[in-house]
Amino acid sequence: MQPSTFSLFSLFTESDLMTRFVSILMVIASIYSWAIIIEKIFLIKRIKLAGDIFERKFWSGGSLDELFNSIKSKATDPMSLVFIAAMKEWKKSSPLLRAKNNSSKTMNIHQRIDKVMTITIEREVGKLEDRIDFLSMIGSIAPLVGLFGTIWGIMSSFSAIGSSQSTTLGVIAPGIATALSTTALGLIVAIPAVVGYNKISTDLTKYIMKLESFAGEFTAIISRQIDENTNS
């Protein structure tokens, strides 16, 4: 048998229609999985960098109003958007603090600002997590789809044996080789999808914790300012 017989392309061309369909389906799934992995890796890297830049400005000791005015029209990273959402609610609620007997109103302001930040975090996290479940799904089902292709190919090989009334290696080997190729392809598709999903999920979990930590710290800052305005 020539070495070229063992190339992926030759195995594909020698396979039956169902095995070809399974192979094409998994190649498409692999391309889409890699597109998601690459997109999410670069996206997470970008928002981390933008978040670090924002945090340096936030903790530099400058005016929060000045920071808000400088980024409110151009912010795209989740941390900046959480800050902007909270500042907008803070500015809308500030006039209430000047009213008398405003203890209950102060509590409502706390709750509204906290709620706005929570909603913003959930919305932005939803965008970041978009389509990563596909990686988990592919990691789970690609080996099974590949196994289905293998079983179908083996069934075709046995059918060929029955038709030819021969059990020689020359009759059996081509069908078995093409059948096993779908199992290998299933693993080739599944392994990067699983690794990519775990990597992206871990990075997103760390980033979400960072967002929630920032929201908590910013809530404390706003609370102190509310208390100062209330007691003044």
C-alpha atoms as a PDB file:
ATOM      1  CA  MET A   1       0.000   0.000   0.000  1.00  0.00           C
ATOM      2  CA  GLN A   2       1.387   3.390  -0.908  1.00  0.00           C
ATOM      3  CA  PRO A   3       2.063   5.905   1.860  1.00  0.00           C
ATOM      4  CA  SER A   4      -0.291   8.364   0.199  1.00  0.00           C
ATOM      5  CA  THR A   5      -3.131   5.950   0.960  1.00  0.00           C
ATOM      6  CA  PHE A   6      -2.877   6.956   4.593  1.00  0.00           C
ATOM      7  CA  SER A   7      -3.344  10.688   3.980  1.00  0.00           C
ATOM      8  CA  LEU A   8      -6.440  12.295   5.425  1.00  0.00           C
ATOM      9  CA  PHE A   9      -7.588  13.349   1.981  1.00  0.00           C
ATOM     10  CA  SER A  10      -7.319   9.847   0.541  1.00  0.00           C
ATOM     11  CA  LEU A  11      -9.156   8.389   3.527  1.00  0.00           C
ATOM     12  CA  PHE A  12     -11.903  10.963   2.973  1.00  0.00           C
ATOM     13  CA  THR A  13     -12.238  10.283  -0.762  1.00  0.00           C
ATOM     14  CA  GLU A  14     -12.323   6.532  -0.214  1.00  0.00           C
ATOM     15  CA  SER A  15     -15.036   6.702   2.445  1.00  0.00           C
ATOM     16  CA  ASP A  16     -18.758   6.286   1.864  1.00  0.00           C
ATOM     17  CA  LEU A  17     -21.299   9.102   1.787  1.00  0.00           C
ATOM     18  CA  MET A  18     -22.257   8.947   5.480  1.00  0.00           C
ATOM     19  CA  THR A  19     -18.637   8.903   6.647  1.00  0.00           C
ATOM     20  CA  ARG A  20     -17.895  11.894   4.410  1.00  0.00           C
ATOM     21  CA  PHE A  21     -20.875  13.754   5.853  1.00  0.00           C
ATOM     22  CA  VAL A  22     -19.671  13.086   9.416  1.00  0.00           C
ATOM     23  CA  SER A  23     -16.146  14.218   8.520  1.00  0.00           C
ATOM     24  CA  ILE A  24     -17.352  17.432   6.870  1.00  0.00           C
ATOM     25  CA  LEU A  25     -19.636  18.165   9.836  1.00  0.00           C
ATOM     26  CA  MET A  26     -16.753  17.844  12.288  1.00  0.00           C
ATOM     27  CA  VAL A  27     -14.397  19.933  10.180  1.00  0.00           C
ATOM     28  CA  ILE A  28     -16.993  22.724  10.145  1.00  0.00           C
ATOM     29  CA  ALA A  29     -17.434  22.372  13.921  1.00  0.00           C
ATOM     30  CA  SER A  30     -13.663  22.516  14.380  1.00  0.00           C
ATOM     31  CA  ILE A  31     -13.317  25.701  12.324  1.00  0.00           C
ATOM     32  CA  TYR A  32     -16.134  27.365  14.262  1.00  0.00           C
ATOM     33  CA  SER A  33     -14.658  26.225  17.576  1.00  0.00           C
ATOM     34  CA  TRP A  34     -11.255  27.668  16.724  1.00  0.00           C
ATOM     35  CA  ALA A  35     -12.901  30.930  15.634  1.00  0.00           C
ATOM     36  CA  ILE A  36     -14.618  31.199  19.041  1.00  0.00           C
ATOM     37  CA  ILE A  37     -11.433  30.314  20.932  1.00  0.00           C
ATOM     38  CA  ILE A  38      -9.304  32.879  19.098  1.00  0.00           C
ATOM     39  CA  GLU A  39     -11.962  35.593  19.367  1.00  0.00           C
ATOM     40  CA  LYS A  40     -12.503  35.064  23.106  1.00  0.00           C
ATOM     41  CA  ILE A  41      -8.793  34.903  23.932  1.00  0.00           C
ATOM     42  CA  PHE A  42      -8.134  38.223  22.214  1.00  0.00           C
ATOM     43  CA  LEU A  43     -11.319  39.742  23.691  1.00  0.00           C
ATOM     44  CA  ILE A  44     -10.378  38.777  27.252  1.00  0.00           C
ATOM     45  CA  LYS A  45      -6.861  40.075  26.737  1.00  0.00           C
ATOM     46  CA  ARG A  46      -8.243  43.386  25.454  1.00  0.00           C
ATOM     47  CA  ILE A  47     -10.722  43.953  28.271  1.00  0.00           C
ATOM     48  CA  LYS A  48      -8.118  43.036  30.884  1.00  0.00           C
ATOM     49  CA  LEU A  49      -5.741  45.618  29.462  1.00  0.00           C
ATOM     50  CA  ALA A  50      -8.502  48.242  29.277  1.00  0.00           C
ATOM     51  CA  GLY A  51      -9.556  47.392  32.827  1.00  0.00           C
ATOM     52  CA  ASP A  52      -5.999  47.810  34.120  1.00  0.00           C
ATOM     53  CA  ILE A  53      -5.744  51.218  32.453  1.00  0.00           C
ATOM     54  CA  PHE A  54      -9.092  52.263  33.938  1.00  0.00           C
ATOM     55  CA  GLU A  55      -8.149  51.082  37.427  1.00  0.00           C
ATOM     56  CA  ARG A  56      -4.924  53.092  37.362  1.00  0.00           C
ATOM     57  CA  LYS A  57      -6.940  56.193  36.549  1.00  0.00           C
ATOM     58  CA  PHE A  58      -9.622  55.333  39.112  1.00  0.00           C
ATOM     59  CA  TRP A  59      -7.206  54.839  41.987  1.00  0.00           C
ATOM     60  CA  SER A  60      -4.937  57.728  41.008  1.00  0.00           C
ATOM     61  CA  GLY A  61      -6.770  60.018  43.433  1.00  0.00           C
ATOM     62  CA  GLY A  62      -8.308  62.219  40.769  1.00  0.00           C
ATOM     63  CA  SER A  63     -11.880  63.438  40.657  1.00  0.00           C
ATOM     64  CA  LEU A  64     -14.465  60.785  39.877  1.00  0.00           C
ATOM     65  CA  ASP A  65     -16.513  63.366  37.979  1.00  0.00           C
ATOM     66  CA  GLU A  66     -13.550  64.176  35.761  1.00  0.00           C
ATOM     67  CA  LEU A  67     -12.912  60.485  35.121  1.00  0.00           C
ATOM     68  CA  PHE A  68     -16.597  59.978  34.339  1.00  0.00           C
ATOM     69  CA  ASN A  69     -16.673  62.888  31.882  1.00  0.00           C
ATOM     70  CA  SER A  70     -13.510  61.702  30.155  1.00  0.00           C
ATOM     71  CA  ILE A  71     -14.636  58.129  29.472  1.00  0.00           C
ATOM     72  CA  LYS A  72     -18.441  58.172  29.384  1.00  0.00           C
ATOM     73  CA  SER A  73     -18.675  58.452  25.607  1.00  0.00           C
ATOM     74  CA  LYS A  74     -15.894  56.054  24.638  1.00  0.00           C
ATOM     75  CA  ALA A  75     -15.792  53.293  27.245  1.00  0.00           C
ATOM     76  CA  THR A  76     -16.232  49.739  25.943  1.00  0.00           C
ATOM     77  CA  ASP A  77     -14.726  47.462  28.602  1.00  0.00           C
ATOM     78  CA  PRO A  78     -17.055  46.062  31.309  1.00  0.00           C
ATOM     79  CA  MET A  79     -15.293  47.682  34.267  1.00  0.00           C
ATOM     80  CA  SER A  80     -15.565  51.166  32.793  1.00  0.00           C
ATOM     81  CA  LEU A  81     -19.205  50.522  31.877  1.00  0.00           C
ATOM     82  CA  VAL A  82     -19.984  49.451  35.445  1.00  0.00           C
ATOM     83  CA  PHE A  83     -18.419  52.678  36.701  1.00  0.00           C
ATOM     84  CA  ILE A  84     -20.333  54.799  34.189  1.00  0.00           C
ATOM     85  CA  ALA A  85     -23.659  53.132  35.032  1.00  0.00           C
ATOM     86  CA  ALA A  86     -23.107  53.729  38.757  1.00  0.00           C
ATOM     87  CA  MET A  87     -22.052  57.355  38.231  1.00  0.00           C
ATOM     88  CA  LYS A  88     -25.103  58.071  36.092  1.00  0.00           C
ATOM     89  CA  GLU A  89     -27.389  56.720  38.787  1.00  0.00           C
ATOM     90  CA  TRP A  90     -25.438  58.617  41.434  1.00  0.00           C
ATOM     91  CA  LYS A  91     -25.845  61.889  39.538  1.00  0.00           C
ATOM     92  CA  LYS A  92     -29.572  61.283  39.055  1.00  0.00           C
ATOM     93  CA  SER A  93     -30.020  60.522  42.755  1.00  0.00           C
ATOM     94  CA  SER A  94     -27.822  63.261  44.220  1.00  0.00           C
ATOM     95  CA  PRO A  95     -30.603  65.899  44.381  1.00  0.00           C
ATOM     96  CA  LEU A  96     -32.550  63.618  46.728  1.00  0.00           C
ATOM     97  CA  LEU A  97     -29.798  63.908  49.319  1.00  0.00           C
ATOM     98  CA  ARG A  98     -30.491  67.612  49.719  1.00  0.00           C
ATOM     99  CA  ALA A  99     -34.028  66.910  50.887  1.00  0.00           C
ATOM    100  CA  LYS A 100     -34.811  66.790  54.608  1.00  0.00           C
ATOM    101  CA  ASN A 101     -35.561  63.545  56.447  1.00  0.00           C
ATOM    102  CA  ASN A 102     -33.807  61.624  53.739  1.00  0.00           C
ATOM    103  CA  SER A 103     -32.627  58.527  55.647  1.00  0.00           C
ATOM    104  CA  SER A 104     -34.960  56.229  53.704  1.00  0.00           C
ATOM    105  CA  LYS A 105     -34.071  57.991  50.466  1.00  0.00           C
ATOM    106  CA  THR A 106     -30.390  57.456  51.220  1.00  0.00           C
ATOM    107  CA  MET A 107     -31.022  53.738  51.612  1.00  0.00           C
ATOM    108  CA  ASN A 108     -32.896  53.705  48.300  1.00  0.00           C
ATOM    109  CA  ILE A 109     -29.969  55.412  46.584  1.00  0.00           C
ATOM    110  CA  HIS A 110     -27.618  52.742  47.912  1.00  0.00           C
ATOM    111  CA  GLN A 111     -29.894  50.037  46.586  1.00  0.00           C
ATOM    112  CA  ARG A 112     -30.380  51.636  43.186  1.00  0.00           C
ATOM    113  CA  ILE A 113     -26.653  52.143  42.606  1.00  0.00           C
ATOM    114  CA  ASP A 114     -25.890  48.593  43.703  1.00  0.00           C
ATOM    115  CA  LYS A 115     -28.686  47.269  41.474  1.00  0.00           C
ATOM    116  CA  VAL A 116     -27.469  49.240  38.457  1.00  0.00           C
ATOM    117  CA  MET A 117     -23.954  47.856  38.842  1.00  0.00           C
ATOM    118  CA  THR A 118     -25.261  44.310  39.268  1.00  0.00           C
ATOM    119  CA  ILE A 119     -27.395  44.571  36.121  1.00  0.00           C
ATOM    120  CA  THR A 120     -24.486  46.031  34.148  1.00  0.00           C
ATOM    121  CA  ILE A 121     -22.152  43.250  35.284  1.00  0.00           C
ATOM    122  CA  GLU A 122     -24.696  40.579  34.350  1.00  0.00           C
ATOM    123  CA  ARG A 123     -25.262  42.136  30.924  1.00  0.00           C
ATOM    124  CA  GLU A 124     -21.557  42.436  30.137  1.00  0.00           C
ATOM    125  CA  VAL A 125     -20.767  38.963  31.448  1.00  0.00           C
ATOM    126  CA  GLY A 126     -23.545  37.594  29.258  1.00  0.00           C
ATOM    127  CA  LYS A 127     -21.835  39.127  26.238  1.00  0.00           C
ATOM    128  CA  LEU A 128     -18.463  37.691  27.236  1.00  0.00           C
ATOM    129  CA  GLU A 129     -19.904  34.208  27.766  1.00  0.00           C
ATOM    130  CA  ASP A 130     -21.769  34.233  24.463  1.00  0.00           C
ATOM    131  CA  ARG A 131     -21.095  31.071  22.412  1.00  0.00           C
ATOM    132  CA  ILE A 132     -18.556  29.476  24.783  1.00  0.00           C
ATOM    133  CA  ASP A 133     -21.157  26.811  25.619  1.00  0.00           C
ATOM    134  CA  PHE A 134     -20.713  25.664  22.032  1.00  0.00           C
ATOM    135  CA  LEU A 135     -17.136  24.662  22.908  1.00  0.00           C
ATOM    136  CA  SER A 136     -18.365  22.543  25.801  1.00  0.00           C
ATOM    137  CA  MET A 137     -20.982  20.928  23.586  1.00  0.00           C
ATOM    138  CA  ILE A 138     -18.465  20.129  20.838  1.00  0.00           C
ATOM    139  CA  GLY A 139     -16.048  18.715  23.390  1.00  0.00           C
ATOM    140  CA  SER A 140     -18.779  16.366  24.574  1.00  0.00           C
ATOM    141  CA  ILE A 141     -20.388  15.231  21.330  1.00  0.00           C
ATOM    142  CA  ALA A 142     -17.526  15.296  18.776  1.00  0.00           C
ATOM    143  CA  PRO A 143     -16.035  11.968  19.998  1.00  0.00           C
ATOM    144  CA  LEU A 144     -19.509  10.411  19.890  1.00  0.00           C
ATOM    145  CA  VAL A 145     -20.130  11.703  16.373  1.00  0.00           C
ATOM    146  CA  GLY A 146     -16.723  10.362  15.359  1.00  0.00           C
ATOM    147  CA  LEU A 147     -17.580   7.014  16.949  1.00  0.00           C
ATOM    148  CA  PHE A 148     -20.832   6.952  14.994  1.00  0.00           C
ATOM    149  CA  GLY A 149     -18.841   7.471  11.787  1.00  0.00           C
ATOM    150  CA  THR A 150     -16.517   4.640  12.789  1.00  0.00           C
ATOM    151  CA  ILE A 151     -19.380   2.260  13.501  1.00  0.00           C
ATOM    152  CA  TRP A 152     -21.010   3.149  10.205  1.00  0.00           C
ATOM    153  CA  GLY A 153     -17.737   2.608   8.357  1.00  0.00           C
ATOM    154  CA  ILE A 154     -17.200  -0.780   9.991  1.00  0.00           C
ATOM    155  CA  MET A 155     -20.719  -1.787   9.047  1.00  0.00           C
ATOM    156  CA  SER A 156     -19.933  -0.799   5.459  1.00  0.00           C
ATOM    157  CA  SER A 157     -16.745  -2.860   5.602  1.00  0.00           C
ATOM    158  CA  PHE A 158     -18.629  -5.940   6.735  1.00  0.00           C
ATOM    159  CA  SER A 159     -21.120  -5.326   3.952  1.00  0.00           C
ATOM    160  CA  ALA A 160     -18.228  -5.219   1.476  1.00  0.00           C
ATOM    161  CA  ILE A 161     -16.902  -8.478   2.893  1.00  0.00           C
ATOM    162  CA  GLY A 162     -20.291 -10.084   2.381  1.00  0.00           C
ATOM    163  CA  SER A 163     -20.568  -8.815  -1.175  1.00  0.00           C
ATOM    164  CA  SER A 164     -17.085  -9.902  -2.191  1.00  0.00           C
ATOM    165  CA  GLN A 165     -17.190 -13.213  -0.293  1.00  0.00           C
ATOM    166  CA  SER A 166     -13.610 -12.486   0.783  1.00  0.00           C
ATOM    167  CA  THR A 167     -12.025 -11.758   4.153  1.00  0.00           C
ATOM    168  CA  THR A 168      -8.604 -10.783   2.861  1.00  0.00           C
ATOM    169  CA  LEU A 169      -6.837  -7.775   4.323  1.00  0.00           C
ATOM    170  CA  GLY A 170      -7.125  -5.948   1.009  1.00  0.00           C
ATOM    171  CA  VAL A 171     -10.907  -6.013   1.298  1.00  0.00           C
ATOM    172  CA  ILE A 172     -11.179  -5.198   5.003  1.00  0.00           C
ATOM    173  CA  ALA A 173      -8.372  -2.670   5.532  1.00  0.00           C
ATOM    174  CA  PRO A 174      -9.610   0.302   3.430  1.00  0.00           C
ATOM    175  CA  GLY A 175     -13.021   0.373   5.079  1.00  0.00           C
ATOM    176  CA  ILE A 176     -11.602  -0.042   8.592  1.00  0.00           C
ATOM    177  CA  ALA A 177      -9.026   2.703   7.988  1.00  0.00           C
ATOM    178  CA  THR A 178     -11.611   5.191   6.766  1.00  0.00           C
ATOM    179  CA  ALA A 179     -13.925   4.227   9.636  1.00  0.00           C
ATOM    180  CA  LEU A 180     -11.259   4.775  12.285  1.00  0.00           C
ATOM    181  CA  SER A 181     -10.348   8.108  10.739  1.00  0.00           C
ATOM    182  CA  THR A 182     -13.650   9.596  11.950  1.00  0.00           C
ATOM    183  CA  THR A 183     -12.856   8.627  15.549  1.00  0.00           C
ATOM    184  CA  ALA A 184      -9.473  10.305  15.226  1.00  0.00           C
ATOM    185  CA  LEU A 185     -11.120  13.356  13.694  1.00  0.00           C
ATOM    186  CA  GLY A 186     -13.631  13.474  16.550  1.00  0.00           C
ATOM    187  CA  LEU A 187     -10.777  13.608  19.072  1.00  0.00           C
ATOM    188  CA  ILE A 188      -8.939  16.244  17.008  1.00  0.00           C
ATOM    189  CA  VAL A 189     -12.077  18.399  17.153  1.00  0.00           C
ATOM    190  CA  ALA A 190     -12.960  17.701  20.796  1.00  0.00           C
ATOM    191  CA  ILE A 191      -9.592  18.190  22.520  1.00  0.00           C
ATOM    192  CA  PRO A 192      -8.980  21.831  21.464  1.00  0.00           C
ATOM    193  CA  ALA A 193     -12.626  22.657  22.208  1.00  0.00           C
ATOM    194  CA  VAL A 194     -12.369  21.283  25.759  1.00  0.00           C
ATOM    195  CA  VAL A 195      -9.010  22.938  26.428  1.00  0.00           C
ATOM    196  CA  GLY A 196     -10.269  26.228  24.980  1.00  0.00           C
ATOM    197  CA  TYR A 197     -13.478  26.089  27.000  1.00  0.00           C
ATOM    198  CA  ASN A 198     -11.619  25.428  30.263  1.00  0.00           C
ATOM    199  CA  LYS A 199      -9.106  28.195  29.585  1.00  0.00           C
ATOM    200  CA  ILE A 200     -11.740  30.763  28.627  1.00  0.00           C
ATOM    201  CA  SER A 201     -14.025  29.806  31.525  1.00  0.00           C
ATOM    202  CA  THR A 202     -11.175  30.129  34.030  1.00  0.00           C
ATOM    203  CA  ASP A 203     -10.126  33.531  32.688  1.00  0.00           C
ATOM    204  CA  LEU A 204     -13.727  34.768  32.660  1.00  0.00           C
ATOM    205  CA  THR A 205     -14.303  33.572  36.227  1.00  0.00           C
ATOM    206  CA  LYS A 206     -11.260  35.522  37.414  1.00  0.00           C
ATOM    207  CA  TYR A 207     -12.373  38.603  35.499  1.00  0.00           C
ATOM    208  CA  ILE A 208     -15.935  38.390  36.879  1.00  0.00           C
ATOM    209  CA  MET A 209     -14.525  38.212  40.415  1.00  0.00           C
ATOM    210  CA  LYS A 210     -12.464  41.305  39.633  1.00  0.00           C
ATOM    211  CA  LEU A 211     -15.571  43.127  38.375  1.00  0.00           C
ATOM    212  CA  GLU A 212     -17.548  42.199  41.475  1.00  0.00           C
ATOM    213  CA  SER A 213     -14.667  43.282  43.711  1.00  0.00           C
ATOM    214  CA  PHE A 214     -14.509  46.640  41.939  1.00  0.00           C
ATOM    215  CA  ALA A 215     -18.282  47.075  42.277  1.00  0.00           C
ATOM    216  CA  GLY A 216     -18.018  46.412  46.006  1.00  0.00           C
ATOM    217  CA  GLU A 217     -15.180  48.887  46.445  1.00  0.00           C
ATOM    218  CA  PHE A 218     -16.964  51.523  44.419  1.00  0.00           C
ATOM    219  CA  THR A 219     -20.137  50.992  46.450  1.00  0.00           C
ATOM    220  CA  ALA A 220     -18.122  51.702  49.596  1.00  0.00           C
ATOM    221  CA  ILE A 221     -16.766  54.920  48.080  1.00  0.00           C
ATOM    222  CA  ILE A 222     -20.239  56.067  47.057  1.00  0.00           C
ATOM    223  CA  SER A 223     -21.566  55.189  50.511  1.00  0.00           C
ATOM    224  CA  ARG A 224     -18.961  57.376  52.170  1.00  0.00           C
ATOM    225  CA  GLN A 225     -19.813  60.267  49.869  1.00  0.00           C
ATOM    226  CA  ILE A 226     -23.535  59.809  50.566  1.00  0.00           C
ATOM    227  CA  ASP A 227     -22.865  59.816  54.307  1.00  0.00           C
ATOM    228  CA  GLU A 228     -20.721  62.965  53.997  1.00  0.00           C
ATOM    229  CA  ASN A 229     -23.408  64.758  51.973  1.00  0.00           C
ATOM    230  CA  THR A 230     -26.116  63.647  54.379  1.00  0.00           C
ATOM    231  CA  ASN A 231     -24.244  64.846  57.482  1.00  0.00           C
ATOM    232  CA  SER A 232     -23.100  68.124  55.967  1.00  0.00           C
END
